[in-house]
N, C-alpha and C. Protein backbone atom coordinates (compact mmCIF):
# COMPACT_ATOMS: atom_id res chain seq x y z
N UNK A 1 121.78 130.99 92.91
CA UNK A 1 120.39 130.61 93.04
C UNK A 1 119.95 129.73 91.89
N UNK A 2 120.89 129.41 90.98
CA UNK A 2 120.56 128.52 89.88
C UNK A 2 120.24 127.12 90.38
N UNK A 3 120.85 126.71 91.49
CA UNK A 3 120.59 125.37 92.04
C UNK A 3 119.14 125.23 92.46
N UNK A 4 118.56 126.28 93.05
CA UNK A 4 117.16 126.23 93.45
C UNK A 4 116.23 126.09 92.26
N UNK A 5 116.55 126.78 91.17
CA UNK A 5 115.76 126.68 89.94
C UNK A 5 115.87 125.31 89.32
N UNK A 6 117.08 124.74 89.35
CA UNK A 6 117.30 123.41 88.80
C UNK A 6 116.53 122.37 89.60
N UNK A 7 116.53 122.49 90.91
CA UNK A 7 115.79 121.55 91.75
C UNK A 7 114.29 121.65 91.46
N UNK A 8 113.79 122.87 91.28
CA UNK A 8 112.37 123.05 90.98
C UNK A 8 112.02 122.41 89.64
N UNK A 9 112.88 122.54 88.64
CA UNK A 9 112.63 121.94 87.33
C UNK A 9 112.62 120.42 87.44
N UNK A 10 113.57 119.87 88.18
CA UNK A 10 113.62 118.41 88.37
C UNK A 10 112.37 117.93 89.09
N UNK A 11 111.94 118.65 90.10
CA UNK A 11 110.73 118.26 90.85
C UNK A 11 109.51 118.30 89.94
N UNK A 12 109.40 119.33 89.10
CA UNK A 12 108.27 119.42 88.16
C UNK A 12 108.30 118.28 87.16
N UNK A 13 109.47 117.92 86.68
CA UNK A 13 109.61 116.82 85.73
C UNK A 13 109.19 115.51 86.37
N UNK A 14 109.63 115.26 87.60
CA UNK A 14 109.25 114.03 88.31
C UNK A 14 107.75 113.97 88.52
N UNK A 15 107.13 115.08 88.91
CA UNK A 15 105.68 115.10 89.13
C UNK A 15 104.95 114.80 87.83
N UNK A 16 105.44 115.34 86.72
CA UNK A 16 104.80 115.08 85.43
C UNK A 16 104.96 113.64 85.02
N UNK A 17 106.10 113.03 85.35
CA UNK A 17 106.31 111.63 85.03
C UNK A 17 105.28 110.75 85.74
N UNK A 18 105.07 110.98 87.03
CA UNK A 18 104.11 110.19 87.78
C UNK A 18 102.68 110.45 87.30
N UNK A 19 102.37 111.70 87.00
CA UNK A 19 101.02 112.06 86.57
C UNK A 19 100.74 111.60 85.14
N UNK A 20 101.78 111.30 84.37
CA UNK A 20 101.57 110.90 82.98
C UNK A 20 100.97 109.51 82.85
N UNK A 21 101.07 108.70 83.89
CA UNK A 21 100.48 107.36 83.86
C UNK A 21 99.13 107.36 84.55
N UNK A 22 98.13 106.72 83.95
CA UNK A 22 96.82 106.66 84.61
C UNK A 22 96.87 105.80 85.88
N UNK A 23 95.94 106.05 86.78
CA UNK A 23 95.90 105.32 88.06
C UNK A 23 95.77 103.82 87.84
N UNK A 24 95.04 103.41 86.82
CA UNK A 24 94.88 101.97 86.56
C UNK A 24 96.21 101.32 86.20
N UNK A 25 97.09 102.07 85.53
CA UNK A 25 98.41 101.54 85.21
C UNK A 25 99.24 101.39 86.48
N UNK A 26 99.17 102.37 87.38
CA UNK A 26 99.89 102.27 88.65
C UNK A 26 99.37 101.08 89.45
N UNK A 27 98.05 100.84 89.38
CA UNK A 27 97.49 99.70 90.11
C UNK A 27 97.99 98.38 89.53
N UNK A 28 98.08 98.31 88.20
CA UNK A 28 98.59 97.10 87.57
C UNK A 28 100.06 96.88 87.95
N UNK A 29 100.85 97.94 87.91
CA UNK A 29 102.26 97.84 88.29
C UNK A 29 102.37 97.37 89.74
N UNK A 30 101.56 97.95 90.62
CA UNK A 30 101.65 97.59 92.04
C UNK A 30 101.20 96.16 92.30
N UNK A 31 100.33 95.62 91.46
CA UNK A 31 99.87 94.25 91.68
C UNK A 31 100.99 93.23 91.42
N UNK A 32 102.01 93.63 90.66
CA UNK A 32 103.14 92.75 90.39
C UNK A 32 104.32 93.01 91.33
N UNK A 33 104.28 94.12 92.02
CA UNK A 33 105.41 94.50 92.89
C UNK A 33 105.18 94.02 94.31
N UNK A 34 106.25 93.83 95.02
CA UNK A 34 106.18 93.44 96.44
C UNK A 34 105.67 94.64 97.26
N UNK A 35 104.88 94.38 98.31
CA UNK A 35 104.35 95.48 99.13
C UNK A 35 105.40 96.49 99.61
N UNK A 36 106.59 96.06 100.06
CA UNK A 36 107.58 97.08 100.48
C UNK A 36 108.01 97.99 99.32
N UNK A 37 108.07 97.45 98.11
CA UNK A 37 108.44 98.26 96.95
C UNK A 37 107.35 99.28 96.63
N UNK A 38 106.09 98.87 96.76
CA UNK A 38 104.97 99.78 96.52
C UNK A 38 104.95 100.88 97.58
N UNK A 39 105.24 100.51 98.81
CA UNK A 39 105.32 101.51 99.88
C UNK A 39 106.39 102.55 99.57
N UNK A 40 107.57 102.09 99.17
CA UNK A 40 108.66 103.01 98.85
C UNK A 40 108.32 103.87 97.63
N UNK A 41 107.68 103.29 96.64
CA UNK A 41 107.23 104.06 95.48
C UNK A 41 106.27 105.16 95.91
N UNK A 42 105.34 104.81 96.78
CA UNK A 42 104.34 105.77 97.24
C UNK A 42 104.97 106.96 97.97
N UNK A 43 106.07 106.71 98.67
CA UNK A 43 106.76 107.78 99.38
C UNK A 43 107.56 108.69 98.45
N UNK A 44 107.73 108.27 97.20
CA UNK A 44 108.60 109.01 96.29
C UNK A 44 107.98 110.24 95.65
N UNK A 45 106.65 110.39 95.72
CA UNK A 45 106.01 111.53 95.08
C UNK A 45 104.71 111.87 95.78
N UNK A 46 104.41 113.16 95.84
CA UNK A 46 103.14 113.59 96.42
C UNK A 46 101.96 113.21 95.52
N UNK A 47 102.25 112.82 94.29
CA UNK A 47 101.20 112.37 93.36
C UNK A 47 100.39 111.22 93.97
N UNK A 48 101.03 110.37 94.75
CA UNK A 48 100.37 109.20 95.31
C UNK A 48 99.56 109.50 96.57
N UNK A 49 99.60 110.75 97.04
CA UNK A 49 98.89 111.11 98.26
C UNK A 49 97.62 111.92 97.99
N UNK A 50 97.09 111.81 96.79
CA UNK A 50 95.83 112.49 96.47
C UNK A 50 94.70 111.46 96.55
N UNK A 51 93.52 111.96 96.89
CA UNK A 51 92.36 111.06 97.00
C UNK A 51 91.82 110.76 95.61
N UNK A 52 91.47 109.50 95.41
CA UNK A 52 90.86 109.05 94.16
C UNK A 52 89.68 108.15 94.51
N UNK A 53 88.76 108.05 93.59
CA UNK A 53 87.59 107.22 93.79
C UNK A 53 87.98 105.75 93.67
N UNK A 54 87.35 104.91 94.45
CA UNK A 54 87.65 103.48 94.40
C UNK A 54 86.62 102.70 93.59
N UNK A 55 85.73 103.40 92.88
CA UNK A 55 84.69 102.69 92.14
C UNK A 55 85.15 102.25 90.77
N UNK A 56 86.43 102.46 90.42
CA UNK A 56 86.95 102.02 89.14
C UNK A 56 87.20 100.53 89.20
N UNK A 57 86.96 99.81 88.08
CA UNK A 57 87.32 98.39 88.08
C UNK A 57 88.83 98.25 88.16
N UNK A 58 89.27 97.30 88.96
CA UNK A 58 90.72 97.14 89.14
C UNK A 58 91.30 96.25 88.05
N UNK A 59 92.61 96.20 88.05
CA UNK A 59 93.32 95.37 87.07
C UNK A 59 92.97 93.91 87.27
N UNK A 60 93.28 93.09 86.29
CA UNK A 60 92.99 91.66 86.35
C UNK A 60 93.57 91.06 87.62
N UNK A 61 92.74 90.32 88.34
CA UNK A 61 93.18 89.72 89.60
C UNK A 61 93.10 88.21 89.49
N UNK A 62 93.88 87.56 90.30
CA UNK A 62 93.82 86.11 90.36
C UNK A 62 92.57 85.72 91.15
N UNK A 63 92.08 84.50 90.98
CA UNK A 63 90.92 84.07 91.77
C UNK A 63 91.14 84.19 93.27
N UNK A 64 92.36 83.91 93.73
CA UNK A 64 92.65 84.01 95.16
C UNK A 64 92.54 85.45 95.64
N UNK A 65 93.02 86.37 94.83
CA UNK A 65 92.94 87.79 95.20
C UNK A 65 91.48 88.25 95.19
N UNK A 66 90.69 87.74 94.24
CA UNK A 66 89.27 88.10 94.21
C UNK A 66 88.56 87.59 95.45
N UNK A 67 88.90 86.38 95.90
CA UNK A 67 88.29 85.83 97.12
C UNK A 67 88.66 86.67 98.32
N UNK A 68 89.91 87.10 98.39
CA UNK A 68 90.35 87.93 99.50
C UNK A 68 89.66 89.30 99.46
N UNK A 69 89.43 89.82 98.26
CA UNK A 69 88.80 91.13 98.11
C UNK A 69 87.33 91.08 98.54
N UNK A 70 86.67 89.93 98.41
CA UNK A 70 85.26 89.82 98.80
C UNK A 70 85.08 90.02 100.30
N UNK A 71 86.11 89.81 101.07
CA UNK A 71 86.04 89.99 102.51
C UNK A 71 85.86 91.44 102.91
N UNK A 72 86.00 92.35 101.98
CA UNK A 72 85.89 93.78 102.26
C UNK A 72 84.54 94.30 101.82
N UNK A 73 83.49 93.53 101.97
CA UNK A 73 82.16 93.91 101.51
C UNK A 73 81.58 95.08 102.28
N UNK A 74 82.11 95.38 103.45
CA UNK A 74 81.57 96.46 104.27
C UNK A 74 81.84 97.84 103.69
N UNK A 75 82.87 97.97 102.84
CA UNK A 75 83.17 99.30 102.31
C UNK A 75 82.32 99.59 101.09
N UNK A 76 81.95 100.84 100.95
CA UNK A 76 81.13 101.28 99.83
C UNK A 76 81.96 101.34 98.56
N UNK A 77 81.31 101.14 97.40
CA UNK A 77 82.04 101.18 96.14
C UNK A 77 82.40 102.60 95.74
N UNK A 78 81.82 103.61 96.38
CA UNK A 78 82.12 105.00 96.04
C UNK A 78 83.06 105.66 97.05
N UNK A 79 83.75 104.89 97.85
CA UNK A 79 84.70 105.45 98.82
C UNK A 79 85.81 106.19 98.10
N UNK A 80 86.33 107.20 98.76
CA UNK A 80 87.52 107.87 98.25
C UNK A 80 88.67 107.48 99.17
N UNK A 81 89.78 107.09 98.55
CA UNK A 81 90.96 106.71 99.30
C UNK A 81 92.17 107.33 98.64
N UNK A 82 93.21 107.47 99.42
CA UNK A 82 94.47 107.97 98.89
C UNK A 82 95.01 106.93 97.92
N UNK A 83 95.53 107.39 96.79
CA UNK A 83 96.04 106.47 95.76
C UNK A 83 97.07 105.51 96.33
N UNK A 84 97.96 105.99 97.19
CA UNK A 84 98.98 105.13 97.79
C UNK A 84 98.34 103.96 98.54
N UNK A 85 97.24 104.22 99.22
CA UNK A 85 96.53 103.17 99.96
C UNK A 85 95.98 102.13 99.00
N UNK A 86 95.39 102.58 97.90
CA UNK A 86 94.85 101.65 96.91
C UNK A 86 95.96 100.80 96.29
N UNK A 87 97.09 101.43 95.99
CA UNK A 87 98.19 100.70 95.37
C UNK A 87 98.75 99.65 96.33
N UNK A 88 98.91 100.01 97.58
CA UNK A 88 99.41 99.05 98.56
C UNK A 88 98.42 97.90 98.77
N UNK A 89 97.14 98.23 98.79
CA UNK A 89 96.12 97.18 98.92
C UNK A 89 96.18 96.22 97.74
N UNK A 90 96.32 96.75 96.54
CA UNK A 90 96.43 95.92 95.34
C UNK A 90 97.63 94.99 95.43
N UNK A 91 98.75 95.52 95.88
CA UNK A 91 99.96 94.72 96.03
C UNK A 91 99.78 93.62 97.08
N UNK A 92 99.18 93.99 98.20
CA UNK A 92 98.97 93.01 99.28
C UNK A 92 98.03 91.89 98.84
N UNK A 93 96.93 92.24 98.15
CA UNK A 93 95.98 91.22 97.70
C UNK A 93 96.62 90.30 96.66
N UNK A 94 97.39 90.86 95.75
CA UNK A 94 98.06 90.02 94.75
C UNK A 94 99.08 89.10 95.40
N UNK A 95 99.82 89.63 96.37
CA UNK A 95 100.80 88.81 97.08
C UNK A 95 100.11 87.68 97.85
N UNK A 96 99.00 88.01 98.49
CA UNK A 96 98.23 86.99 99.21
C UNK A 96 97.74 85.92 98.24
N UNK A 97 97.24 86.34 97.09
CA UNK A 97 96.78 85.39 96.09
C UNK A 97 97.88 84.45 95.64
N UNK A 98 99.07 84.99 95.42
CA UNK A 98 100.20 84.15 95.00
C UNK A 98 100.59 83.18 96.10
N UNK A 99 100.59 83.63 97.34
CA UNK A 99 100.94 82.75 98.46
C UNK A 99 99.93 81.62 98.59
N UNK A 100 98.65 81.95 98.50
CA UNK A 100 97.61 80.93 98.63
C UNK A 100 97.67 79.92 97.49
N UNK A 101 97.95 80.39 96.28
CA UNK A 101 98.06 79.47 95.14
C UNK A 101 99.22 78.50 95.31
N UNK A 102 100.35 79.01 95.80
CA UNK A 102 101.55 78.18 95.95
C UNK A 102 101.51 77.30 97.18
N UNK A 103 100.66 77.62 98.15
CA UNK A 103 100.67 76.86 99.39
C UNK A 103 100.06 75.48 99.24
N UNK A 104 99.18 75.31 98.27
CA UNK A 104 98.56 74.02 98.08
C UNK A 104 97.59 73.67 99.21
N UNK A 105 97.15 74.68 99.97
CA UNK A 105 96.29 74.42 101.11
C UNK A 105 94.83 74.22 100.70
N UNK A 106 94.51 74.54 99.47
CA UNK A 106 93.12 74.44 99.02
C UNK A 106 92.33 75.70 99.29
N UNK A 107 92.92 76.66 99.96
CA UNK A 107 92.24 77.94 100.20
C UNK A 107 92.49 78.83 99.01
N UNK A 108 91.40 79.29 98.39
CA UNK A 108 91.54 80.19 97.24
C UNK A 108 90.57 81.34 97.35
């Protein structure tokens, strides 16, 4: 039964590792990562499936990402969302911003 205890210790250590970083740091990390990587990260721990407030200022965004974010004016600033959802949204907006900047289409 030592294997069960070892697995529990490893699981506790992993949970503490994810919880040791503030949500704003995870958002900054996700803004640089590709959306599929953020999705896989989110599946790696139950830490990312807790609800958090969305009224926190987000990490530095590119102008293109800010323009894309303005399209979501219908949502309230005090909404609660699952952290994984916020991280994936941050990654998607950053990726969109990078694509728009590189496309040369004039859309920002």
